[in-house]
Amino acid sequence: MKILKYILRFLISLLILIPLWILMFDYLILPTYVGAENNIFLPDCRGDYQHIATKKLSDLELDVKIINLPFSLENKSGTVVKMHPKSFTKVKKGRLIVLSIAGHKKNILLPDLRNLSIRNAKIKISELSLNLDTLMYEFNPEIKNGYVSFQIPTNG
C-alpha cells in the first residue's frame, strides 16, 4: 500500500512538473537562445521608390539587395515591384531583403532589319527588349520570300 502511495505521488508530481518545465523551456530558455527579441515585422515597401524603400529597411537594420527589372508600362519606373521575403513577415535584424525595382525607359539605336529573315529580325527585336507590334506580308519581287523588305521606325 505504501508503494502505491509513493508511485501515485511520483506520478502526480511528474504531471505537475513536466508541463512547468515545458513552459519554462518554451517561454524563457528558447527565446533567449534564438534571440527572439531581434525579430521585427517586415514593412510593405511595394510601390515605394528605391531610395525610400532602402532607407526604411536600413533603418530597421536589414540588409538590402536590389534587382533591376526591364522597363514595363505596367509598373512605375524606379519603384519596388516585389520583395522577398514577403511583406509583414517576421524576420531577424541583419536579414537580406531582395527588392525588385521597375526599370527605366532607355533610348535604343534601332538596327537595320531589312534583308534579314523574319525569324532573325524577331530575335534581334527580342534581344533589344522590344515588342513586335505588327507584321505585314506583301509581295516584293526584289526581296526573297520570308525576308524583311521595310521597317517602321526606320533604322537609326
Foldseek 3Di string as FASTA:
>chain_A
DVVVVVVVVVVVVCVVVVVVVVCCCVPPVVCVVVVVVQKDFAAAQAPPAPVVNCVVLVVSQEAEDEAEDEADPVDDARGFHAKPPHGRDIDGHHYYIYTYGHHDDDDDQAAAQFLPFPVVSVVVCVVVVHDDDDDDDDDDPVHDPRGDHADPPGGD
